[in-house]
Amino acid sequence: MMKNDDNASIDVESSAESIGKAPLIGNGKEKPNKLKKIMGAVDFVLRLAAIIAALAAAATMGTSDETATFFTQVFRIEASYDDVPTFTFFVIAMSIVAGYLVLSLMFSVITIIRPNLAIARILLFIFDIVVLALAAASAAAAAAIVYLAHNGNRNTNWQAICQQFGHFCQKVSGAVVTSFVAVVLLMLLVLLSGFNFILKKK
């Protein structure tokens, strides 16, 4: 009779130990998934913000035009973004960036629903880098032209035009600043994707 009691007590203790350890294993699997879902939600919000910034930059630059009059309205000179090839490239590039980001929202939602789906994250990571390079190139090129418009260049006798076309310069400057906001958001997206890959390896 004593042996049966001992066996029963051992079984109860072993079952209690197994019950106590089971939730610890489950929590270890759930924590990475929760973190990945949070990162997916942050990714989605960053993409929405980058869409707004890219669209604002393209729209502001695309509507930048001004007509200045000289010599009591005898001469009228118009300044528009399509007069400068760099600004035209800027509008096209920012439009492409915004279009890509809109399409990428679907993949971002997939990463939230299925955080362990690697192919979606890899595609986003690759295309985010390509779009980041495009956005940074167009923003930097436009910034150089805006600097010349404000300050000119004495060595090449390029005159500053912002005194005559103040409204035009104000709009193109705002477009360039907004484009750099989009660039920063894209950089954060790339860093977030890289961190997600590191988390997956762990």
Protein backbone atom coordinates (compact mmCIF):
# COMPACT_ATOMS: atom_id res chain seq x y z
CA MET A 1 0.00 0.00 0.00
CA MET A 2 2.84 2.37 0.74
CA LYS A 3 4.41 1.73 -2.68
CA ASN A 4 1.20 2.69 -4.49
CA ASP A 5 0.99 5.93 -2.52
CA ASP A 6 4.58 6.75 -3.41
CA ASN A 7 3.97 6.09 -7.10
CA ALA A 8 0.83 8.23 -7.05
CA SER A 9 2.68 11.12 -5.42
CA ILE A 10 5.49 10.88 -7.98
CA ASP A 11 2.96 10.93 -10.84
CA VAL A 12 1.21 13.97 -9.39
CA GLU A 13 4.50 15.82 -8.97
CA SER A 14 5.69 14.99 -12.51
CA SER A 15 2.37 16.08 -14.02
CA ALA A 16 2.48 19.30 -12.00
CA GLU A 17 6.00 19.98 -13.25
CA SER A 18 4.96 19.35 -16.86
CA ILE A 19 1.97 21.69 -16.49
CA GLY A 20 4.20 24.38 -15.01
CA LYS A 21 6.71 24.13 -17.86
CA ALA A 22 4.22 24.02 -20.75
CA PRO A 23 3.21 27.70 -20.69
CA LEU A 24 6.86 28.76 -20.70
CA ILE A 25 7.40 27.00 -24.03
CA GLY A 26 4.28 28.56 -25.49
CA ASN A 27 5.26 32.07 -24.38
CA GLY A 28 8.64 31.71 -26.04
CA LYS A 29 6.98 31.10 -29.40
CA GLU A 30 4.35 33.77 -29.05
CA LYS A 31 6.63 36.67 -28.14
CA PRO A 32 8.50 36.79 -31.50
CA ASN A 33 5.21 36.61 -33.40
CA LYS A 34 3.73 39.48 -31.38
CA LEU A 35 6.86 41.55 -31.94
CA LYS A 36 6.74 40.83 -35.66
CA LYS A 37 3.10 41.90 -35.82
CA ILE A 38 3.93 45.14 -34.02
CA MET A 39 6.79 45.77 -36.44
CA GLY A 40 4.43 45.03 -39.33
CA ALA A 41 1.98 47.63 -38.02
CA VAL A 42 4.80 50.18 -37.70
CA ASP A 43 5.86 49.34 -41.26
CA PHE A 44 2.33 50.01 -42.50
CA VAL A 45 2.15 53.40 -40.75
CA LEU A 46 5.56 54.43 -42.11
CA ARG A 47 4.45 53.55 -45.62
CA LEU A 48 1.32 55.67 -45.28
CA ALA A 49 3.41 58.61 -44.08
CA ALA A 50 5.90 58.13 -46.93
CA ILE A 51 3.05 58.06 -49.46
CA ILE A 52 1.77 61.39 -48.18
CA ALA A 53 5.25 62.92 -48.27
CA ALA A 54 6.03 61.66 -51.79
CA LEU A 55 2.67 62.76 -53.19
CA ALA A 56 2.99 66.17 -51.55
CA ALA A 57 6.48 66.62 -53.00
CA ALA A 58 5.38 65.62 -56.52
CA ALA A 59 2.22 67.76 -56.40
CA THR A 60 4.02 70.82 -55.01
CA MET A 61 6.76 70.65 -57.61
CA GLY A 62 4.29 69.89 -60.41
CA THR A 63 2.24 72.99 -59.65
CA SER A 64 5.19 75.35 -59.24
CA ASP A 65 4.97 78.06 -61.89
CA GLU A 66 5.11 81.82 -61.78
CA THR A 67 5.08 84.63 -64.31
CA ALA A 68 7.21 87.70 -63.63
CA THR A 69 6.89 91.03 -65.43
CA PHE A 70 9.75 93.40 -66.21
CA PHE A 71 9.91 96.98 -67.46
CA THR A 72 6.31 97.91 -66.58
CA GLN A 73 4.76 94.72 -67.95
CA VAL A 74 6.44 94.92 -71.34
CA PHE A 75 8.33 91.66 -70.84
CA ARG A 76 6.76 88.66 -69.17
CA ILE A 77 8.88 85.66 -68.21
CA GLU A 78 7.41 82.43 -66.90
CA ALA A 79 9.20 79.99 -64.62
CA SER A 80 7.88 76.44 -64.43
CA TYR A 81 9.17 73.12 -63.19
CA ASP A 82 9.18 71.62 -66.71
CA ASP A 83 11.69 74.27 -67.81
CA VAL A 84 14.30 72.41 -65.74
CA PRO A 85 14.92 68.72 -66.63
CA THR A 86 16.02 68.00 -63.06
CA PHE A 87 12.66 69.16 -61.70
CA THR A 88 10.85 67.05 -64.32
CA PHE A 89 12.85 64.03 -63.21
CA PHE A 90 11.98 64.91 -59.62
CA VAL A 91 8.22 64.87 -60.33
CA ILE A 92 8.44 61.56 -62.21
CA ALA A 93 10.61 59.95 -59.53
CA MET A 94 8.40 61.05 -56.64
CA SER A 95 5.33 59.82 -58.52
CA ILE A 96 6.97 56.42 -59.01
CA VAL A 97 7.90 56.30 -55.32
CA ALA A 98 4.34 57.12 -54.27
CA GLY A 99 2.89 54.55 -56.69
CA TYR A 100 5.19 51.83 -55.43
CA LEU A 101 4.39 52.62 -51.80
CA VAL A 102 0.67 52.36 -52.50
CA LEU A 103 1.16 48.93 -54.07
CA SER A 104 3.41 47.83 -51.22
CA LEU A 105 0.65 48.40 -48.66
CA MET A 106 -0.88 45.07 -49.67
CA PHE A 107 2.36 43.23 -48.87
CA SER A 108 2.67 45.15 -45.63
CA VAL A 109 -0.78 43.93 -44.58
CA ILE A 110 0.26 40.37 -45.46
CA THR A 111 3.28 40.65 -43.14
CA ILE A 112 0.93 41.68 -40.33
CA ILE A 113 -1.48 38.79 -40.92
CA ARG A 114 1.27 36.24 -41.58
CA PRO A 115 4.41 37.48 -39.81
CA ASN A 116 6.40 34.34 -40.64
CA LEU A 117 5.94 34.68 -44.43
CA ALA A 118 9.50 35.41 -45.51
CA ILE A 119 8.95 35.99 -49.24
CA ALA A 120 6.81 39.09 -48.68
CA ARG A 121 9.40 40.67 -46.39
CA ILE A 122 12.25 39.88 -48.80
CA LEU A 123 10.39 41.49 -51.72
CA LEU A 124 9.61 44.59 -49.68
CA PHE A 125 13.23 44.84 -48.52
CA ILE A 126 14.64 44.65 -52.06
CA PHE A 127 12.20 47.08 -53.66
CA ASP A 128 12.41 49.48 -50.71
CA ILE A 129 16.15 49.80 -51.30
CA VAL A 130 15.64 50.47 -55.02
CA VAL A 131 12.97 53.09 -54.37
CA LEU A 132 15.08 54.67 -51.63
CA ALA A 133 17.94 55.11 -54.10
CA LEU A 134 15.57 56.69 -56.65
CA ALA A 135 14.04 59.07 -54.11
CA ALA A 136 17.42 60.10 -52.69
CA ALA A 137 18.86 60.74 -56.17
CA SER A 138 15.94 62.91 -57.27
CA ALA A 139 15.84 64.83 -53.99
CA ALA A 140 19.59 65.52 -54.04
CA ALA A 141 19.55 66.64 -57.67
CA ALA A 142 16.60 68.96 -57.09
CA ALA A 143 18.24 70.35 -53.95
CA ALA A 144 21.30 71.36 -55.99
CA ILE A 145 19.15 73.27 -58.49
CA VAL A 146 17.20 74.96 -55.70
CA TYR A 147 20.46 76.07 -54.11
CA LEU A 148 21.54 77.68 -57.40
CA ALA A 149 18.14 79.34 -57.74
CA HIS A 150 18.54 80.93 -54.31
CA ASN A 151 22.25 81.80 -54.38
CA GLY A 152 23.45 81.57 -57.98
CA ASN A 153 27.09 80.91 -58.86
CA ARG A 154 29.53 83.77 -59.31
CA ASN A 155 32.20 81.60 -60.95
CA THR A 156 29.89 80.69 -63.82
CA ASN A 157 27.91 83.98 -63.81
CA TRP A 158 24.68 82.15 -62.93
CA GLN A 159 22.36 84.64 -61.35
CA ALA A 160 19.95 83.85 -58.53
CA ILE A 161 16.35 84.00 -59.72
CA CYS A 162 14.47 83.82 -56.45
CA GLN A 163 14.30 87.60 -56.13
CA GLN A 164 12.23 87.71 -59.30
CA PHE A 165 10.40 84.41 -58.82
CA GLY A 166 9.84 84.25 -55.08
CA HIS A 167 6.66 82.18 -55.18
CA PHE A 168 8.23 79.67 -57.57
CA CYS A 169 11.31 79.24 -55.39
CA GLN A 170 9.20 78.88 -52.28
CA LYS A 171 7.22 76.02 -53.79
CA VAL A 172 10.19 74.12 -55.21
CA SER A 173 12.03 74.51 -51.90
CA GLY A 174 9.04 73.09 -50.03
CA ALA A 175 8.87 70.18 -52.48
CA VAL A 176 12.54 69.35 -51.92
CA VAL A 177 12.16 69.46 -48.12
CA THR A 178 9.13 67.18 -48.31
CA SER A 179 10.99 64.76 -50.56
CA PHE A 180 13.75 64.44 -47.97
CA VAL A 181 11.08 63.58 -45.41
CA ALA A 182 10.03 60.74 -47.73
CA VAL A 183 13.68 59.66 -48.02
CA VAL A 184 14.05 59.50 -44.22
CA LEU A 185 10.86 57.43 -43.93
CA LEU A 186 12.12 55.03 -46.59
CA MET A 187 15.39 54.69 -44.70
CA LEU A 188 13.44 53.78 -41.58
CA LEU A 189 11.52 51.16 -43.57
CA VAL A 190 14.75 49.57 -44.80
CA LEU A 191 16.22 49.57 -41.28
CA LEU A 192 13.02 48.04 -39.92
CA SER A 193 13.16 45.26 -42.50
CA GLY A 194 16.80 44.58 -41.67
CA PHE A 195 16.00 44.37 -37.97
CA ASN A 196 13.17 41.97 -38.76
CA PHE A 197 15.59 39.64 -40.57
CA ILE A 198 17.93 39.69 -37.56
CA LEU A 199 14.99 38.87 -35.29
CA LYS A 200 14.02 35.95 -37.50
CA LYS A 201 17.51 34.45 -37.30
CA LYS A 202 17.37 34.59 -33.52
